[in-house]
Amino acid sequence: KKQTISNLKYTNAYLDAGGDYKCVATNILQKNGMPANFTSPSTVVQVSPKVSVNSRQVDAVRGSSVHLTCTATGYPTPDLTWKFNDKLMAGEVTQKNTTISLSSLMLRSVTAISHGGLYKCEARNSAAPSDFATITVMLLPEVIIPPVSVGVGYLGDLTLTCKVSSYPAVNEVIWYRNGEQVSALSSALVMKNISAITSRLTMKSVTEVAC
């Protein structure tokens, strides 16, 4: 009686190692027509997920559509989920085979308040750990509530408000009057940022029309 031990080893293997393995033994008796085969119970080798995304940052314009895609490899085939601000979002699975999952997320008529920020694509299967990748959707600054025409009495005070939408939030809103920055015209003009998206310009003792 002779015992033989066989080892199967992968070096620096990742996805190629995943699958169902069986050990099949034969000897010379099989050549003489005898059923000398022995097949071991199958062994499942699981491979933890690996995620990749089409881009780490997407620049968008208010009102446009944004298409995000996410691909994951692993064995068994990973399941993909999308999250925005830690809330699940309904992505569309566009491809799924033995080792690869592909999911897409469509954002329509984007706005900074509703869609700007960090999106997370996470992959899970029965192997640990899970993996994820993030995509930041950036929106260019856009004036969504422009200043309006107003009337003011002689030596009265005038306040103008401008609302700006963007992601990340704008760090500065600059007012212009007749092509020149307001802050450089007169100390009687006071500019105050109310929030990240609203700027208010106050003119004291108005003696001429500002536009």
N, C-alpha and C. Protein backbone atom coordinates (compact mmCIF):
# COMPACT_ATOMS: atom_id res chain seq x y z
N LYS A 1 0.85 -1.20 0.00
CA LYS A 1 0.00 0.00 0.00
C LYS A 1 0.87 1.24 0.00
N LYS A 2 0.61 2.14 -0.90
CA LYS A 2 1.40 3.35 -1.01
C LYS A 2 0.49 4.57 -0.92
N GLN A 3 0.89 5.49 -0.09
CA GLN A 3 0.10 6.71 0.10
C GLN A 3 0.74 7.86 -0.65
N THR A 4 -0.09 8.59 -1.38
CA THR A 4 0.40 9.74 -2.15
C THR A 4 -0.35 10.99 -1.69
N ILE A 5 0.41 12.03 -1.45
CA ILE A 5 -0.18 13.32 -1.05
C ILE A 5 0.07 14.33 -2.16
N SER A 6 -0.97 14.98 -2.59
CA SER A 6 -0.85 15.99 -3.64
C SER A 6 -1.31 17.34 -3.10
N ASN A 7 -0.53 18.35 -3.37
CA ASN A 7 -0.85 19.71 -2.93
C ASN A 7 -1.03 20.62 -4.14
N LEU A 8 -2.02 21.49 -4.08
CA LEU A 8 -2.24 22.50 -5.11
C LEU A 8 -2.00 23.86 -4.49
N LYS A 9 -1.10 24.61 -5.08
CA LYS A 9 -0.73 25.89 -4.48
C LYS A 9 -0.79 27.01 -5.52
N TYR A 10 -1.46 28.12 -5.17
CA TYR A 10 -1.47 29.33 -5.99
C TYR A 10 -0.54 30.35 -5.35
N THR A 11 0.27 30.99 -6.14
CA THR A 11 1.13 32.05 -5.65
C THR A 11 0.65 33.40 -6.18
N ASN A 12 0.39 34.32 -5.25
CA ASN A 12 -0.11 35.65 -5.61
C ASN A 12 -1.37 35.56 -6.47
N ALA A 13 -2.19 34.61 -6.15
CA ALA A 13 -3.43 34.43 -6.91
C ALA A 13 -4.54 35.25 -6.28
N TYR A 14 -5.48 35.68 -7.13
CA TYR A 14 -6.66 36.35 -6.58
C TYR A 14 -7.90 35.68 -7.15
N LEU A 15 -8.44 36.24 -8.22
CA LEU A 15 -9.71 35.74 -8.73
C LEU A 15 -9.58 34.35 -9.32
N ASP A 16 -8.42 34.03 -9.92
CA ASP A 16 -8.25 32.73 -10.55
C ASP A 16 -8.35 31.58 -9.55
N ALA A 17 -8.19 31.87 -8.27
CA ALA A 17 -8.21 30.82 -7.26
C ALA A 17 -9.61 30.43 -6.85
N GLY A 18 -10.60 31.26 -7.12
CA GLY A 18 -11.96 30.98 -6.67
C GLY A 18 -12.64 29.90 -7.49
N GLY A 19 -13.45 29.06 -6.83
CA GLY A 19 -14.19 28.04 -7.54
C GLY A 19 -14.37 26.78 -6.73
N ASP A 20 -14.95 25.73 -7.38
CA ASP A 20 -15.16 24.42 -6.75
C ASP A 20 -14.02 23.49 -7.15
N TYR A 21 -13.37 22.90 -6.16
CA TYR A 21 -12.23 22.03 -6.42
C TYR A 21 -12.56 20.59 -6.03
N LYS A 22 -12.08 19.65 -6.85
CA LYS A 22 -12.18 18.23 -6.54
C LYS A 22 -10.84 17.57 -6.82
N CYS A 23 -10.52 16.60 -6.00
CA CYS A 23 -9.29 15.83 -6.19
C CYS A 23 -9.67 14.47 -6.77
N VAL A 24 -9.15 14.15 -7.95
CA VAL A 24 -9.47 12.90 -8.64
C VAL A 24 -8.21 12.04 -8.70
N ALA A 25 -8.33 10.80 -8.22
CA ALA A 25 -7.17 9.90 -8.18
C ALA A 25 -7.38 8.73 -9.14
N THR A 26 -6.33 8.34 -9.86
CA THR A 26 -6.35 7.18 -10.75
C THR A 26 -5.03 6.44 -10.60
N ASN A 27 -5.03 5.19 -11.01
CA ASN A 27 -3.76 4.45 -11.08
C ASN A 27 -3.76 3.56 -12.32
N ILE A 28 -2.80 2.67 -12.44
CA ILE A 28 -2.61 1.88 -13.66
C ILE A 28 -3.73 0.90 -13.90
N LEU A 29 -4.46 0.54 -12.84
CA LEU A 29 -5.53 -0.42 -13.01
C LEU A 29 -6.63 0.09 -13.92
N GLN A 30 -6.78 1.41 -13.99
CA GLN A 30 -7.83 1.98 -14.83
C GLN A 30 -7.59 1.67 -16.30
N LYS A 31 -6.34 1.49 -16.66
CA LYS A 31 -6.02 1.16 -18.05
C LYS A 31 -6.53 -0.22 -18.42
N ASN A 32 -6.72 -1.08 -17.41
CA ASN A 32 -7.21 -2.44 -17.66
C ASN A 32 -8.73 -2.52 -17.53
N GLY A 33 -9.38 -1.37 -17.50
CA GLY A 33 -10.84 -1.35 -17.47
C GLY A 33 -11.44 -1.43 -16.09
N MET A 34 -10.64 -1.37 -15.05
CA MET A 34 -11.18 -1.45 -13.70
C MET A 34 -11.52 -0.05 -13.19
N PRO A 35 -12.62 0.10 -12.44
CA PRO A 35 -13.03 1.42 -11.92
C PRO A 35 -12.17 1.85 -10.75
N ALA A 36 -11.01 2.37 -11.06
CA ALA A 36 -10.05 2.73 -10.02
C ALA A 36 -10.08 4.22 -9.69
N ASN A 37 -11.07 4.94 -10.18
CA ASN A 37 -11.17 6.37 -9.89
C ASN A 37 -11.65 6.62 -8.47
N PHE A 38 -11.14 7.67 -7.88
CA PHE A 38 -11.71 8.14 -6.62
C PHE A 38 -11.76 9.66 -6.67
N THR A 39 -12.93 10.21 -6.43
CA THR A 39 -13.12 11.66 -6.45
C THR A 39 -13.49 12.14 -5.07
N SER A 40 -12.75 13.11 -4.58
CA SER A 40 -13.01 13.64 -3.24
C SER A 40 -14.23 14.54 -3.25
N PRO A 41 -14.82 14.79 -2.09
CA PRO A 41 -15.88 15.80 -2.01
C PRO A 41 -15.34 17.16 -2.47
N SER A 42 -16.22 17.97 -3.06
CA SER A 42 -15.78 19.26 -3.58
C SER A 42 -15.41 20.21 -2.46
N THR A 43 -14.43 21.05 -2.74
CA THR A 43 -14.00 22.09 -1.81
C THR A 43 -14.19 23.43 -2.49
N VAL A 44 -14.93 24.32 -1.84
CA VAL A 44 -15.21 25.64 -2.42
C VAL A 44 -14.18 26.64 -1.90
N VAL A 45 -13.48 27.26 -2.80
CA VAL A 45 -12.53 28.32 -2.45
C VAL A 45 -13.20 29.66 -2.72
N GLN A 46 -13.42 30.44 -1.67
CA GLN A 46 -14.09 31.73 -1.80
C GLN A 46 -13.06 32.84 -1.90
N VAL A 47 -13.39 33.84 -2.71
CA VAL A 47 -12.51 34.99 -2.89
C VAL A 47 -13.29 36.25 -2.51
N SER A 48 -12.74 37.04 -1.60
CA SER A 48 -13.43 38.24 -1.13
C SER A 48 -13.54 39.27 -2.26
N PRO A 49 -14.55 40.14 -2.20
CA PRO A 49 -14.79 41.08 -3.30
C PRO A 49 -13.70 42.14 -3.46
N LYS A 50 -13.59 42.61 -4.69
CA LYS A 50 -12.72 43.74 -5.02
C LYS A 50 -13.52 44.67 -5.91
N VAL A 51 -13.62 45.96 -5.50
CA VAL A 51 -14.48 46.91 -6.20
C VAL A 51 -13.65 47.92 -6.97
N SER A 52 -14.15 48.30 -8.14
CA SER A 52 -13.56 49.40 -8.91
C SER A 52 -14.70 50.24 -9.48
N VAL A 53 -14.44 51.54 -9.67
CA VAL A 53 -15.45 52.45 -10.20
C VAL A 53 -14.92 53.14 -11.44
N ASN A 54 -15.84 53.67 -12.25
CA ASN A 54 -15.42 54.29 -13.51
C ASN A 54 -14.65 55.58 -13.29
N SER A 55 -14.93 56.28 -12.18
CA SER A 55 -14.22 57.52 -11.87
C SER A 55 -14.40 57.84 -10.40
N ARG A 56 -13.37 58.42 -9.80
CA ARG A 56 -13.47 58.80 -8.39
C ARG A 56 -14.18 60.14 -8.21
N GLN A 57 -14.27 60.92 -9.27
CA GLN A 57 -14.94 62.22 -9.19
C GLN A 57 -15.64 62.50 -10.50
N VAL A 58 -16.87 62.99 -10.38
CA VAL A 58 -17.66 63.36 -11.55
C VAL A 58 -18.09 64.81 -11.40
N ASP A 59 -17.76 65.65 -12.38
CA ASP A 59 -18.16 67.05 -12.37
C ASP A 59 -19.44 67.20 -13.19
N ALA A 60 -20.44 67.83 -12.59
CA ALA A 60 -21.74 67.94 -13.25
C ALA A 60 -22.24 69.37 -13.22
N VAL A 61 -23.20 69.63 -14.08
CA VAL A 61 -23.89 70.92 -14.15
C VAL A 61 -25.33 70.71 -13.71
N ARG A 62 -25.85 71.65 -12.96
CA ARG A 62 -27.22 71.57 -12.48
C ARG A 62 -28.20 71.26 -13.61
N GLY A 63 -29.07 70.28 -13.38
CA GLY A 63 -30.06 69.89 -14.36
C GLY A 63 -29.63 68.78 -15.30
N SER A 64 -28.35 68.41 -15.28
CA SER A 64 -27.87 67.36 -16.17
C SER A 64 -28.09 65.99 -15.55
N SER A 65 -27.77 64.93 -16.30
CA SER A 65 -27.84 63.55 -15.80
C SER A 65 -26.43 63.02 -15.56
N VAL A 66 -26.29 62.24 -14.51
CA VAL A 66 -24.99 61.67 -14.16
C VAL A 66 -25.12 60.15 -14.09
N HIS A 67 -24.21 59.44 -14.76
CA HIS A 67 -24.24 57.98 -14.81
C HIS A 67 -23.02 57.44 -14.06
N LEU A 68 -23.26 56.73 -12.96
CA LEU A 68 -22.20 56.14 -12.16
C LEU A 68 -22.19 54.63 -12.38
N THR A 69 -21.00 54.04 -12.54
CA THR A 69 -20.90 52.59 -12.69
C THR A 69 -19.90 52.02 -11.70
N CYS A 70 -20.14 50.79 -11.32
CA CYS A 70 -19.32 50.12 -10.30
C CYS A 70 -19.17 48.66 -10.70
N THR A 71 -17.95 48.14 -10.62
CA THR A 71 -17.68 46.74 -10.96
C THR A 71 -17.04 46.04 -9.77
N ALA A 72 -17.46 44.80 -9.53
CA ALA A 72 -16.87 44.02 -8.43
C ALA A 72 -16.54 42.62 -8.92
N THR A 73 -15.40 42.12 -8.49
CA THR A 73 -15.01 40.75 -8.78
C THR A 73 -14.91 39.97 -7.47
N GLY A 74 -15.07 38.68 -7.53
CA GLY A 74 -14.99 37.83 -6.35
C GLY A 74 -15.67 36.51 -6.61
N TYR A 75 -15.52 35.58 -5.67
CA TYR A 75 -16.20 34.29 -5.78
C TYR A 75 -16.69 33.87 -4.41
N PRO A 76 -17.98 33.59 -4.26
CA PRO A 76 -19.07 33.67 -5.23
C PRO A 76 -19.28 35.11 -5.75
N THR A 77 -20.06 35.24 -6.81
CA THR A 77 -20.28 36.55 -7.41
C THR A 77 -20.80 37.54 -6.37
N PRO A 78 -20.15 38.69 -6.20
CA PRO A 78 -20.57 39.65 -5.17
C PRO A 78 -21.89 40.32 -5.52
N ASP A 79 -22.61 40.72 -4.47
CA ASP A 79 -23.79 41.58 -4.61
C ASP A 79 -23.37 43.02 -4.37
N LEU A 80 -23.90 43.94 -5.19
CA LEU A 80 -23.51 45.35 -5.11
C LEU A 80 -24.66 46.19 -4.55
N THR A 81 -24.32 47.14 -3.70
CA THR A 81 -25.30 48.11 -3.18
C THR A 81 -24.71 49.51 -3.28
N TRP A 82 -25.60 50.49 -3.50
CA TRP A 82 -25.22 51.90 -3.57
C TRP A 82 -25.76 52.62 -2.34
N LYS A 83 -24.95 53.54 -1.82
CA LYS A 83 -25.38 54.37 -0.70
C LYS A 83 -25.01 55.83 -0.95
N PHE A 84 -25.89 56.71 -0.50
CA PHE A 84 -25.63 58.15 -0.55
C PHE A 84 -26.06 58.73 0.79
N ASN A 85 -25.10 59.34 1.49
CA ASN A 85 -25.37 59.82 2.85
C ASN A 85 -25.90 58.71 3.74
N ASP A 86 -25.28 57.51 3.61
CA ASP A 86 -25.62 56.32 4.41
C ASP A 86 -27.03 55.80 4.15
N LYS A 87 -27.67 56.24 3.06
CA LYS A 87 -28.99 55.74 2.71
C LYS A 87 -28.88 54.90 1.44
N LEU A 88 -29.56 53.75 1.44
CA LEU A 88 -29.52 52.88 0.28
C LEU A 88 -30.19 53.53 -0.92
N MET A 89 -29.60 53.30 -2.09
CA MET A 89 -30.17 53.80 -3.33
C MET A 89 -30.35 52.62 -4.28
N ALA A 90 -31.33 52.73 -5.14
CA ALA A 90 -31.67 51.64 -6.06
C ALA A 90 -30.79 51.71 -7.30
N GLY A 91 -29.76 50.88 -7.34
CA GLY A 91 -28.94 50.79 -8.53
C GLY A 91 -29.45 49.69 -9.45
N GLU A 92 -29.00 49.68 -10.68
CA GLU A 92 -29.42 48.69 -11.67
C GLU A 92 -28.28 47.73 -11.96
N VAL A 93 -28.53 46.43 -11.76
CA VAL A 93 -27.52 45.42 -12.07
C VAL A 93 -27.54 45.18 -13.58
N THR A 94 -26.46 45.53 -14.23
CA THR A 94 -26.40 45.42 -15.69
C THR A 94 -25.63 44.20 -16.17
N GLN A 95 -24.88 43.56 -15.29
CA GLN A 95 -24.15 42.36 -15.69
C GLN A 95 -23.81 41.55 -14.44
N LYS A 96 -23.96 40.24 -14.55
CA LYS A 96 -23.59 39.37 -13.44
C LYS A 96 -23.27 37.99 -13.97
N ASN A 97 -22.01 37.54 -13.78
CA ASN A 97 -21.64 36.20 -14.19
C ASN A 97 -20.95 35.48 -13.02
N THR A 98 -20.15 34.49 -13.30
CA THR A 98 -19.58 33.66 -12.24
C THR A 98 -18.73 34.46 -11.27
N THR A 99 -17.99 35.45 -11.75
CA THR A 99 -17.05 36.16 -10.88
C THR A 99 -17.17 37.67 -10.92
N ILE A 100 -18.02 38.22 -11.80
CA ILE A 100 -18.06 39.67 -11.99
C ILE A 100 -19.49 40.19 -11.84
N SER A 101 -19.64 41.30 -11.10
CA SER A 101 -20.91 42.02 -11.02
C SER A 101 -20.68 43.45 -11.51
N LEU A 102 -21.65 43.97 -12.24
CA LEU A 102 -21.59 45.35 -12.72
C LEU A 102 -22.91 46.02 -12.40
N SER A 103 -22.84 47.18 -11.75
CA SER A 103 -24.05 47.91 -11.38
C SER A 103 -23.90 49.37 -11.78
N SER A 104 -25.01 49.99 -12.14
CA SER A 104 -25.00 51.39 -12.53
C SER A 104 -26.05 52.16 -11.73
N LEU A 105 -25.80 53.44 -11.56
CA LEU A 105 -26.72 54.32 -10.85
C LEU A 105 -26.88 55.59 -11.68
N MET A 106 -28.13 55.90 -12.04
CA MET A 106 -28.41 57.07 -12.86
C MET A 106 -29.03 58.17 -12.01
N LEU A 107 -28.42 59.36 -12.04
CA LEU A 107 -28.93 60.52 -11.35
C LEU A 107 -29.45 61.49 -12.40
N ARG A 108 -30.71 61.85 -12.32
CA ARG A 108 -31.33 62.70 -13.33
C ARG A 108 -31.65 64.08 -12.75
N SER A 109 -31.49 65.09 -13.60
CA SER A 109 -31.78 66.48 -13.20
C SER A 109 -31.11 66.81 -11.87
N VAL A 110 -29.80 66.69 -11.84
CA VAL A 110 -29.07 66.82 -10.58
C VAL A 110 -29.09 68.25 -10.06
N THR A 111 -29.09 68.36 -8.74
CA THR A 111 -28.94 69.63 -8.03
C THR A 111 -27.92 69.42 -6.93
N ALA A 112 -27.29 70.50 -6.51
CA ALA A 112 -26.26 70.40 -5.48
C ALA A 112 -26.85 69.91 -4.17
N ILE A 113 -28.03 70.42 -3.81
CA ILE A 113 -28.63 70.06 -2.53
C ILE A 113 -29.06 68.59 -2.50
N SER A 114 -29.59 68.09 -3.61
CA SER A 114 -30.14 66.72 -3.63
C SER A 114 -29.12 65.67 -4.03
N HIS A 115 -28.14 66.03 -4.87
CA HIS A 115 -27.28 65.01 -5.46
C HIS A 115 -25.79 65.21 -5.22
N GLY A 116 -25.36 66.39 -4.86
CA GLY A 116 -23.93 66.61 -4.66
C GLY A 116 -23.43 65.91 -3.41
N GLY A 117 -22.30 65.20 -3.53
CA GLY A 117 -21.73 64.53 -2.35
C GLY A 117 -21.05 63.22 -2.69
N LEU A 118 -20.92 62.38 -1.67
CA LEU A 118 -20.14 61.15 -1.76
C LEU A 118 -21.05 59.94 -1.93
N TYR A 119 -20.83 59.18 -3.01
CA TYR A 119 -21.58 57.96 -3.27
C TYR A 119 -20.68 56.76 -2.99
N LYS A 120 -21.26 55.74 -2.38
CA LYS A 120 -20.48 54.56 -1.98
C LYS A 120 -21.06 53.32 -2.65
N CYS A 121 -20.20 52.59 -3.34
CA CYS A 121 -20.57 51.30 -3.94
C CYS A 121 -19.90 50.20 -3.12
N GLU A 122 -20.70 49.31 -2.56
CA GLU A 122 -20.16 48.26 -1.68
C GLU A 122 -20.48 46.88 -2.24
N ALA A 123 -19.50 45.98 -2.15
CA ALA A 123 -19.66 44.61 -2.65
C ALA A 123 -19.51 43.62 -1.49
N ARG A 124 -20.41 42.65 -1.48
CA ARG A 124 -20.38 41.61 -0.45
C ARG A 124 -20.65 40.24 -1.07
N ASN A 125 -19.96 39.25 -0.54
CA ASN A 125 -20.32 37.86 -0.79
C ASN A 125 -20.07 37.07 0.49
N SER A 126 -20.08 35.75 0.40
CA SER A 126 -19.92 34.95 1.62
C SER A 126 -18.49 34.93 2.14
N ALA A 127 -17.56 35.48 1.36
CA ALA A 127 -16.18 35.60 1.83
C ALA A 127 -15.98 36.98 2.46
N ALA A 128 -15.20 37.05 3.48
CA ALA A 128 -14.92 38.33 4.15
C ALA A 128 -13.49 38.76 3.84
N PRO A 129 -13.22 40.08 3.88
CA PRO A 129 -14.14 41.18 4.18
C PRO A 129 -14.83 41.70 2.91
N SER A 130 -15.81 42.59 3.12
CA SER A 130 -16.43 43.28 1.99
C SER A 130 -15.48 44.37 1.49
N ASP A 131 -15.81 44.95 0.35
CA ASP A 131 -14.97 46.02 -0.21
C ASP A 131 -15.89 47.12 -0.75
N PHE A 132 -15.37 48.33 -0.83
CA PHE A 132 -16.19 49.42 -1.35
C PHE A 132 -15.30 50.43 -2.05
N ALA A 133 -15.93 51.28 -2.85
CA ALA A 133 -15.27 52.40 -3.51
C ALA A 133 -16.23 53.57 -3.49
N THR A 134 -15.68 54.78 -3.56
CA THR A 134 -16.52 55.98 -3.49
C THR A 134 -16.36 56.84 -4.74
N ILE A 135 -17.43 57.56 -5.06
CA ILE A 135 -17.42 58.52 -6.16
C ILE A 135 -18.00 59.83 -5.62
N THR A 136 -17.29 60.92 -5.84
CA THR A 136 -17.78 62.23 -5.42
C THR A 136 -18.40 62.95 -6.62
N VAL A 137 -19.65 63.34 -6.47
CA VAL A 137 -20.33 64.11 -7.51
C VAL A 137 -20.21 65.59 -7.16
N MET A 138 -19.50 66.32 -8.01
CA MET A 138 -19.26 67.75 -7.81
C MET A 138 -20.16 68.55 -8.74
N LEU A 139 -20.74 69.62 -8.23
CA LEU A 139 -21.56 70.49 -9.06
C LEU A 139 -20.97 71.88 -9.11
N LEU A 140 -20.82 72.41 -10.33
CA LEU A 140 -20.26 73.74 -10.52
C LEU A 140 -21.19 74.79 -9.94
N PRO A 141 -20.64 75.89 -9.42
CA PRO A 141 -21.49 76.95 -8.85
C PRO A 141 -22.44 77.53 -9.89
N GLU A 142 -23.67 77.78 -9.46
CA GLU A 142 -24.66 78.38 -10.34
C GLU A 142 -25.60 79.24 -9.50
N VAL A 143 -25.89 80.42 -9.99
CA VAL A 143 -26.83 81.31 -9.31
C VAL A 143 -28.24 80.79 -9.58
N ILE A 144 -28.95 80.37 -8.52
CA ILE A 144 -30.29 79.82 -8.71
C ILE A 144 -31.37 80.84 -8.34
N ILE A 145 -31.04 81.83 -7.52
CA ILE A 145 -31.95 82.94 -7.25
C ILE A 145 -31.15 84.23 -7.41
N PRO A 146 -31.19 84.85 -8.59
CA PRO A 146 -30.38 86.05 -8.83
C PRO A 146 -31.01 87.26 -8.14
N PRO A 147 -30.23 88.32 -7.95
CA PRO A 147 -30.79 89.57 -7.43
C PRO A 147 -31.89 90.08 -8.37
N VAL A 148 -32.89 90.77 -7.81
CA VAL A 148 -33.98 91.31 -8.61
C VAL A 148 -33.94 92.83 -8.59
N SER A 149 -34.65 93.44 -9.52
CA SER A 149 -34.71 94.90 -9.57
C SER A 149 -35.58 95.42 -8.42
N VAL A 150 -35.07 96.37 -7.65
CA VAL A 150 -35.80 96.92 -6.52
C VAL A 150 -35.68 98.44 -6.55
N GLY A 151 -36.59 99.09 -5.84
CA GLY A 151 -36.54 100.54 -5.73
C GLY A 151 -36.18 100.94 -4.31
N VAL A 152 -35.51 102.08 -4.15
CA VAL A 152 -35.12 102.55 -2.83
C VAL A 152 -35.18 104.09 -2.83
N GLY A 153 -35.59 104.65 -1.71
CA GLY A 153 -35.65 106.10 -1.59
C GLY A 153 -34.28 106.72 -1.39
N TYR A 154 -34.20 108.04 -1.60
CA TYR A 154 -32.93 108.76 -1.43
C TYR A 154 -32.44 108.61 0.00
N LEU A 155 -31.15 108.24 0.14
CA LEU A 155 -30.47 108.00 1.42
C LEU A 155 -31.06 106.81 2.19
N GLY A 156 -31.82 105.99 1.49
CA GLY A 156 -32.34 104.79 2.14
C GLY A 156 -31.35 103.64 2.06
N ASP A 157 -31.64 102.58 2.79
CA ASP A 157 -30.80 101.39 2.76
C ASP A 157 -31.37 100.37 1.77
N LEU A 158 -30.46 99.66 1.12
CA LEU A 158 -30.87 98.69 0.11
C LEU A 158 -30.19 97.36 0.40
N THR A 159 -30.95 96.28 0.35
CA THR A 159 -30.40 94.95 0.57
C THR A 159 -30.71 94.06 -0.63
N LEU A 160 -29.67 93.43 -1.18
CA LEU A 160 -29.82 92.49 -2.29
C LEU A 160 -29.36 91.11 -1.83
N THR A 161 -30.08 90.09 -2.26
CA THR A 161 -29.74 88.72 -1.87
C THR A 161 -29.51 87.86 -3.11
N CYS A 162 -28.46 87.06 -3.06
CA CYS A 162 -28.12 86.18 -4.18
C CYS A 162 -27.91 84.77 -3.62
N LYS A 163 -28.59 83.76 -4.22
CA LYS A 163 -28.47 82.38 -3.75
C LYS A 163 -27.71 81.56 -4.79
N VAL A 164 -26.71 80.84 -4.30
CA VAL A 164 -25.83 80.08 -5.18
C VAL A 164 -25.88 78.60 -4.81
N SER A 165 -25.97 77.74 -5.81
CA SER A 165 -25.99 76.30 -5.60
C SER A 165 -24.70 75.69 -6.12
N SER A 166 -24.06 74.83 -5.31
CA SER A 166 -22.84 74.14 -5.76
C SER A 166 -22.51 73.03 -4.77
N TYR A 167 -21.63 72.11 -5.19
CA TYR A 167 -21.04 71.13 -4.27
C TYR A 167 -19.60 70.88 -4.71
N PRO A 168 -18.62 71.07 -3.78
CA PRO A 168 -18.84 71.51 -2.40
C PRO A 168 -19.31 72.96 -2.35
N ALA A 169 -19.74 73.39 -1.16
CA ALA A 169 -20.30 74.73 -1.02
C ALA A 169 -19.27 75.78 -1.42
N VAL A 170 -19.75 76.86 -2.01
CA VAL A 170 -18.85 77.94 -2.40
C VAL A 170 -18.23 78.56 -1.14
N ASN A 171 -16.99 78.97 -1.24
CA ASN A 171 -16.34 79.61 -0.09
C ASN A 171 -16.31 81.13 -0.21
N GLU A 172 -16.79 81.64 -1.36
CA GLU A 172 -16.81 83.09 -1.53
C GLU A 172 -17.80 83.47 -2.62
N VAL A 173 -18.59 84.50 -2.34
CA VAL A 173 -19.48 85.09 -3.35
C VAL A 173 -19.06 86.54 -3.53
N ILE A 174 -18.75 86.92 -4.75
CA ILE A 174 -18.26 88.27 -5.03
C ILE A 174 -19.34 89.07 -5.74
N TRP A 175 -19.61 90.24 -5.24
CA TRP A 175 -20.58 91.15 -5.88
C TRP A 175 -19.84 92.16 -6.75
N TYR A 176 -20.48 92.51 -7.86
CA TYR A 176 -19.92 93.52 -8.77
C TYR A 176 -20.96 94.60 -9.02
N ARG A 177 -20.48 95.82 -9.18
CA ARG A 177 -21.33 96.96 -9.50
C ARG A 177 -20.68 97.73 -10.65
N ASN A 178 -21.40 97.77 -11.76
CA ASN A 178 -20.84 98.41 -12.96
C ASN A 178 -19.48 97.85 -13.34
N GLY A 179 -19.32 96.53 -13.16
CA GLY A 179 -18.09 95.86 -13.56
C GLY A 179 -16.98 95.90 -12.53
N GLU A 180 -17.20 96.55 -11.38
CA GLU A 180 -16.17 96.62 -10.35
C GLU A 180 -16.66 95.91 -9.10
N GLN A 181 -15.69 95.30 -8.37
CA GLN A 181 -16.05 94.63 -7.13
C GLN A 181 -16.62 95.63 -6.13
N VAL A 182 -17.72 95.25 -5.50
CA VAL A 182 -18.40 96.15 -4.56
C VAL A 182 -17.51 96.49 -3.39
N SER A 183 -16.76 95.55 -2.88
CA SER A 183 -15.95 95.78 -1.68
C SER A 183 -14.90 96.87 -1.88
N ALA A 184 -14.56 97.17 -3.14
CA ALA A 184 -13.52 98.16 -3.39
C ALA A 184 -14.08 99.55 -3.65
N LEU A 185 -15.40 99.70 -3.65
CA LEU A 185 -15.99 100.98 -4.02
C LEU A 185 -16.13 101.94 -2.84
N SER A 186 -16.70 101.47 -1.77
CA SER A 186 -17.01 102.38 -0.68
C SER A 186 -17.22 101.60 0.60
N SER A 187 -16.80 102.16 1.71
CA SER A 187 -17.00 101.53 3.01
C SER A 187 -18.46 101.53 3.42
N ALA A 188 -19.28 102.27 2.68
CA ALA A 188 -20.71 102.30 2.98
C ALA A 188 -21.42 101.07 2.46
N LEU A 189 -20.71 100.27 1.67
CA LEU A 189 -21.29 99.04 1.13
C LEU A 189 -20.83 97.87 1.99
N VAL A 190 -21.77 97.16 2.57
CA VAL A 190 -21.45 96.06 3.48
C VAL A 190 -21.90 94.75 2.85
N MET A 191 -20.98 93.80 2.73
CA MET A 191 -21.30 92.50 2.17
C MET A 191 -21.25 91.47 3.27
N LYS A 192 -22.26 90.62 3.37
CA LYS A 192 -22.33 89.63 4.44
C LYS A 192 -22.79 88.29 3.89
N ASN A 193 -22.01 87.25 4.19
CA ASN A 193 -22.38 85.90 3.79
C ASN A 193 -23.29 85.29 4.85
N ILE A 194 -24.55 85.02 4.50
CA ILE A 194 -25.49 84.45 5.45
C ILE A 194 -25.22 82.97 5.67
N SER A 195 -24.94 82.25 4.56
CA SER A 195 -24.66 80.81 4.65
C SER A 195 -23.77 80.44 3.48
N ALA A 196 -23.58 79.13 3.32
CA ALA A 196 -22.70 78.66 2.25
C ALA A 196 -23.30 78.94 0.88
N ILE A 197 -24.61 79.12 0.78
CA ILE A 197 -25.23 79.28 -0.53
C ILE A 197 -25.95 80.62 -0.70
N THR A 198 -25.96 81.45 0.32
CA THR A 198 -26.66 82.73 0.21
C THR A 198 -25.74 83.87 0.57
N SER A 199 -25.74 84.90 -0.26
CA SER A 199 -24.95 86.09 0.00
C SER A 199 -25.89 87.30 -0.01
N ARG A 200 -25.68 88.20 0.94
CA ARG A 200 -26.53 89.38 1.06
C ARG A 200 -25.67 90.64 1.01
N LEU A 201 -26.04 91.54 0.15
CA LEU A 201 -25.32 92.80 -0.01
C LEU A 201 -26.20 93.93 0.51
N THR A 202 -25.68 94.71 1.45
CA THR A 202 -26.42 95.83 2.03
C THR A 202 -25.71 97.13 1.69
N MET A 203 -26.47 98.06 1.13
CA MET A 203 -25.94 99.38 0.79
C MET A 203 -26.57 100.42 1.70
N LYS A 204 -25.75 101.18 2.38
CA LYS A 204 -26.22 102.19 3.32
C LYS A 204 -26.30 103.57 2.63
N SER A 205 -27.34 104.32 2.97
CA SER A 205 -27.49 105.71 2.50
C SER A 205 -27.30 105.81 0.98
N VAL A 206 -28.15 105.13 0.24
CA VAL A 206 -28.02 105.08 -1.22
C VAL A 206 -28.30 106.45 -1.83
N THR A 207 -27.39 106.90 -2.69
CA THR A 207 -27.55 108.17 -3.39
C THR A 207 -27.60 108.00 -4.89
N GLU A 208 -27.32 106.77 -5.37
CA GLU A 208 -27.38 106.51 -6.80
C GLU A 208 -27.81 105.08 -7.03
N VAL A 209 -28.20 104.80 -8.24
CA VAL A 209 -28.69 103.48 -8.57
C VAL A 209 -27.52 102.51 -8.67
N ALA A 210 -27.68 101.30 -8.05
CA ALA A 210 -26.66 100.26 -8.13
C ALA A 210 -27.21 99.10 -8.94
N CYS A 211 -26.34 98.49 -9.76
CA CYS A 211 -26.82 97.37 -10.54
C CYS A 211 -25.69 96.35 -10.71
